[in-house]
Amino acid sequence: DGTGRRLHLFQPHDAALDLRDCLLGDDDDVARLETTHKDARVGEEPTEVCPRDRWYTLAMAPPMAADALGRPPFTVADLVAELRWPSPAPAVGLVETVGGLRSPHAADGDGITLVEELQPDVVLLVADAGLGTINGVRLSLEALDAGSHVATPLVLLNRFDPASEIDRCNRDWLGAHLDVEVLSSLPGLVARLRPSRG
């Protein structure tokens, strides 16, 4: 489009982050991303990414943080109603959750509930690349599969180190044993999510 805005990030909770923070890679990955995907932009103003009333100063699940700060409770429907996409609409919209799929996101639901309300095309599961990730990925995918949605899951192994044997073995095992696409680099993720032209 004429604005160059191809991607927009929305966070129902917490301080606004840019692409560098929400999808972590090593410095070389970030540099390549900025060089080859200059049109992958997110909201310029923090409040475009996360409503100001949803910024918290406590490292807790959002409804717990709101309660500790004396703020009123809120529902998943409240979060969905606050979601605003820029105009013109971006080619790709990302909604970032916090704490994992089963972590509470509101008084009446968790990450799965939010997925069910939003009905996205894709759910991106960002997982550690190292020891323990196979168990975490399998449990998360099982929880996601039980939800009432039709989203395609993708797995991104965060901070994947190709020199690490355990990282490589985890990637290969997940790819061989699970019916899910497993990605291990930020540029690869951007290429996967980039809409086709025509």
Protein backbone atom coordinates (compact mmCIF):
# COMPACT_ATOMS: atom_id res chain seq x y z
CA ASP A 1 0.00 0.00 0.00
CA GLY A 2 1.01 3.64 -0.25
CA THR A 3 1.92 4.00 3.42
CA GLY A 4 4.47 1.17 3.42
CA ARG A 5 2.78 -0.29 6.49
CA ARG A 6 2.67 -4.02 5.92
CA LEU A 7 2.52 -5.28 9.49
CA HIS A 8 0.84 -4.02 12.64
CA LEU A 9 1.28 -5.35 16.17
CA PHE A 10 -1.46 -5.14 18.79
CA GLN A 11 -0.97 -6.05 22.43
CA PRO A 12 -4.03 -6.41 24.65
CA HIS A 13 -1.75 -5.82 27.67
CA ASP A 14 1.51 -4.26 28.82
CA ALA A 15 3.81 -1.60 27.43
CA ALA A 16 4.07 -1.28 23.64
CA LEU A 17 6.92 -3.14 21.96
CA ASP A 18 8.33 -2.96 18.51
CA LEU A 19 9.13 -5.88 16.21
CA ARG A 20 12.68 -6.06 17.58
CA ASP A 21 11.29 -6.84 21.05
CA CYS A 22 8.29 -9.04 20.37
CA LEU A 23 9.99 -11.47 17.99
CA LEU A 24 13.47 -11.91 19.31
CA GLY A 25 16.43 -13.02 17.23
CA ASP A 26 20.14 -12.43 17.37
CA ASP A 27 21.64 -9.13 16.22
CA ASP A 28 22.40 -10.48 12.75
CA ASP A 29 18.80 -11.64 12.33
CA VAL A 30 17.47 -8.22 13.36
CA ALA A 31 19.88 -6.45 10.98
CA ARG A 32 18.86 -8.69 8.07
CA LEU A 33 15.21 -8.13 8.92
CA GLU A 34 15.57 -4.37 8.93
CA THR A 35 17.52 -4.46 5.66
CA THR A 36 15.38 -6.88 3.68
CA HIS A 37 11.95 -6.24 5.17
CA LYS A 38 11.79 -2.47 5.56
CA ASP A 39 8.06 -2.52 4.93
CA ALA A 40 7.44 -4.69 8.05
CA ARG A 41 6.45 -1.80 10.29
CA VAL A 42 4.46 -1.73 13.51
CA GLY A 43 2.51 1.04 15.22
CA GLU A 44 4.53 4.23 15.56
CA GLU A 45 2.84 5.35 18.76
CA PRO A 46 2.83 3.10 21.84
CA THR A 47 -0.93 3.56 22.27
CA GLU A 48 -1.47 2.25 18.73
CA VAL A 49 0.05 -1.03 19.90
CA CYS A 50 -1.44 -1.28 23.40
CA PRO A 51 -4.23 0.83 24.98
CA ARG A 52 -2.82 3.05 27.71
CA ASP A 53 -5.23 1.65 30.30
CA ARG A 54 -3.72 -1.80 29.75
CA TRP A 55 -0.16 -0.82 30.66
CA TYR A 56 0.90 -2.37 33.94
CA THR A 57 3.92 -1.88 36.16
CA LEU A 58 3.82 -5.33 37.74
CA ALA A 59 5.22 -8.56 36.32
CA MET A 60 2.03 -10.56 36.79
CA ALA A 61 -0.68 -12.05 34.63
CA PRO A 62 -2.78 -9.06 33.45
CA PRO A 63 -5.93 -9.66 35.55
CA MET A 64 -3.75 -10.25 38.60
CA ALA A 65 -1.78 -7.06 37.90
CA ALA A 66 -4.99 -5.07 37.46
CA ASP A 67 -6.33 -6.36 40.76
CA ALA A 68 -3.07 -5.60 42.59
CA LEU A 69 -3.10 -2.05 41.19
CA GLY A 70 -6.70 -1.47 42.21
CA ARG A 71 -8.04 -1.38 38.65
CA PRO A 72 -11.44 -2.80 37.71
CA PRO A 73 -11.74 -6.34 36.36
CA PHE A 74 -12.15 -6.85 32.63
CA THR A 75 -13.28 -9.61 30.29
CA VAL A 76 -11.93 -11.14 27.10
CA ALA A 77 -14.77 -9.37 25.28
CA ASP A 78 -13.44 -6.06 26.63
CA LEU A 79 -10.00 -6.83 25.19
CA VAL A 80 -11.40 -7.75 21.80
CA ALA A 81 -13.53 -4.58 21.72
CA GLU A 82 -10.39 -2.49 22.28
CA LEU A 83 -8.56 -3.97 19.31
CA ARG A 84 -8.07 -1.35 16.61
CA TRP A 85 -6.35 -1.82 13.26
CA PRO A 86 -4.90 1.20 11.44
CA SER A 87 -6.37 2.49 8.20
CA PRO A 88 -5.58 1.37 5.60
CA ALA A 89 -5.58 -2.12 7.05
CA PRO A 90 -2.16 -3.81 7.31
CA ALA A 91 -1.30 -6.84 5.23
CA VAL A 92 -0.50 -8.77 8.41
CA GLY A 93 -1.89 -8.12 11.88
CA LEU A 94 -0.25 -9.65 14.94
CA VAL A 95 -1.98 -9.89 18.33
CA GLU A 96 0.60 -10.70 21.00
CA THR A 97 -0.52 -12.57 24.11
CA VAL A 98 1.39 -12.89 27.36
CA GLY A 99 2.45 -15.68 29.66
CA GLY A 100 1.43 -18.65 27.55
CA LEU A 101 -1.82 -20.05 26.19
CA ARG A 102 -3.21 -21.11 29.57
CA SER A 103 -2.14 -18.00 31.45
CA PRO A 104 -5.11 -15.80 32.47
CA HIS A 105 -5.68 -12.84 30.16
CA ALA A 106 -8.90 -11.56 31.72
CA ALA A 107 -11.32 -12.32 34.53
CA ASP A 108 -13.12 -14.86 32.37
CA GLY A 109 -10.51 -16.42 30.12
CA ASP A 110 -6.96 -17.28 29.11
CA GLY A 111 -4.96 -17.18 25.88
CA ILE A 112 -7.08 -19.95 24.37
CA THR A 113 -10.25 -17.94 25.08
CA LEU A 114 -8.73 -14.95 23.31
CA VAL A 115 -7.86 -17.09 20.29
CA GLU A 116 -11.43 -18.38 20.21
CA GLU A 117 -12.80 -14.83 20.25
CA LEU A 118 -10.40 -13.48 17.61
CA GLN A 119 -10.53 -16.50 15.26
CA PRO A 120 -7.14 -15.74 13.64
CA ASP A 121 -5.80 -17.48 10.54
CA VAL A 122 -2.56 -18.45 12.31
CA VAL A 123 -1.44 -18.89 15.92
CA LEU A 124 2.29 -18.43 16.43
CA LEU A 125 3.69 -20.36 19.38
CA VAL A 126 7.02 -18.84 20.42
CA ALA A 127 9.00 -21.44 22.36
CA ASP A 128 12.45 -21.78 23.85
CA ALA A 129 14.85 -23.56 21.54
CA GLY A 130 16.73 -25.39 24.28
CA LEU A 131 16.20 -28.15 26.81
CA GLY A 132 12.58 -28.73 27.81
CA THR A 133 10.97 -27.20 24.76
CA ILE A 134 9.56 -30.45 23.34
CA ASN A 135 7.37 -30.95 26.41
CA GLY A 136 6.27 -27.31 26.43
CA VAL A 137 5.46 -27.23 22.72
CA ARG A 138 3.49 -30.48 22.84
CA LEU A 139 1.41 -29.39 25.83
CA SER A 140 0.72 -26.00 24.28
CA LEU A 141 -0.31 -27.50 20.95
CA GLU A 142 -2.62 -29.96 22.72
CA ALA A 143 -4.30 -27.07 24.56
CA LEU A 144 -4.57 -25.10 21.33
CA ASP A 145 -6.02 -28.07 19.47
CA ALA A 146 -8.80 -28.38 22.07
CA GLY A 147 -9.98 -24.81 21.42
CA SER A 148 -12.94 -23.80 19.25
CA HIS A 149 -11.08 -22.26 16.34
CA VAL A 150 -9.59 -23.19 12.97
CA ALA A 151 -6.27 -21.35 13.22
CA THR A 152 -3.15 -22.98 11.77
CA PRO A 153 -0.42 -23.32 14.42
CA LEU A 154 3.18 -22.35 13.71
CA VAL A 155 6.09 -22.87 16.10
CA LEU A 156 9.00 -20.42 16.31
CA LEU A 157 12.05 -21.57 18.28
CA ASN A 158 13.21 -18.37 19.89
CA ARG A 159 16.94 -17.54 20.07
CA PHE A 160 17.72 -20.67 18.06
CA ASP A 161 21.47 -21.28 17.90
CA PRO A 162 22.47 -23.39 14.86
CA ALA A 163 25.74 -24.21 16.65
CA SER A 164 23.85 -25.81 19.54
CA GLU A 165 23.29 -29.55 19.20
CA ILE A 166 20.27 -29.51 21.53
CA ASP A 167 18.64 -26.67 19.58
CA ARG A 168 19.13 -28.52 16.30
CA CYS A 169 17.89 -31.83 17.74
CA ASN A 170 14.81 -30.18 19.23
CA ARG A 171 13.97 -28.52 15.91
CA ASP A 172 14.42 -31.74 13.98
CA TRP A 173 12.42 -33.85 16.45
CA LEU A 174 9.51 -31.41 16.52
CA GLY A 175 9.46 -31.21 12.73
CA ALA A 176 9.57 -34.98 12.35
CA HIS A 177 7.04 -35.96 15.03
CA LEU A 178 4.43 -33.18 15.07
CA ASP A 179 2.05 -32.06 12.36
CA VAL A 180 3.17 -28.45 12.60
CA GLU A 181 5.59 -26.15 10.79
CA VAL A 182 8.64 -25.37 12.93
CA LEU A 183 10.62 -22.21 12.21
CA SER A 184 13.95 -21.27 13.73
CA SER A 185 14.75 -17.76 12.46
CA LEU A 186 13.08 -14.37 12.46
CA PRO A 187 13.61 -13.75 8.72
CA GLY A 188 12.10 -17.17 8.03
CA LEU A 189 9.04 -16.24 10.07
CA VAL A 190 8.60 -12.94 8.25
CA ALA A 191 8.90 -14.71 4.90
CA ARG A 192 6.32 -17.28 6.04
CA LEU A 193 3.82 -14.63 7.12
CA ARG A 194 4.36 -12.30 4.18
CA PRO A 195 1.24 -12.26 1.99
CA SER A 196 1.70 -13.29 -1.61
CA ARG A 197 1.61 -10.49 -4.14
CA GLY A 198 -1.17 -11.36 -6.51
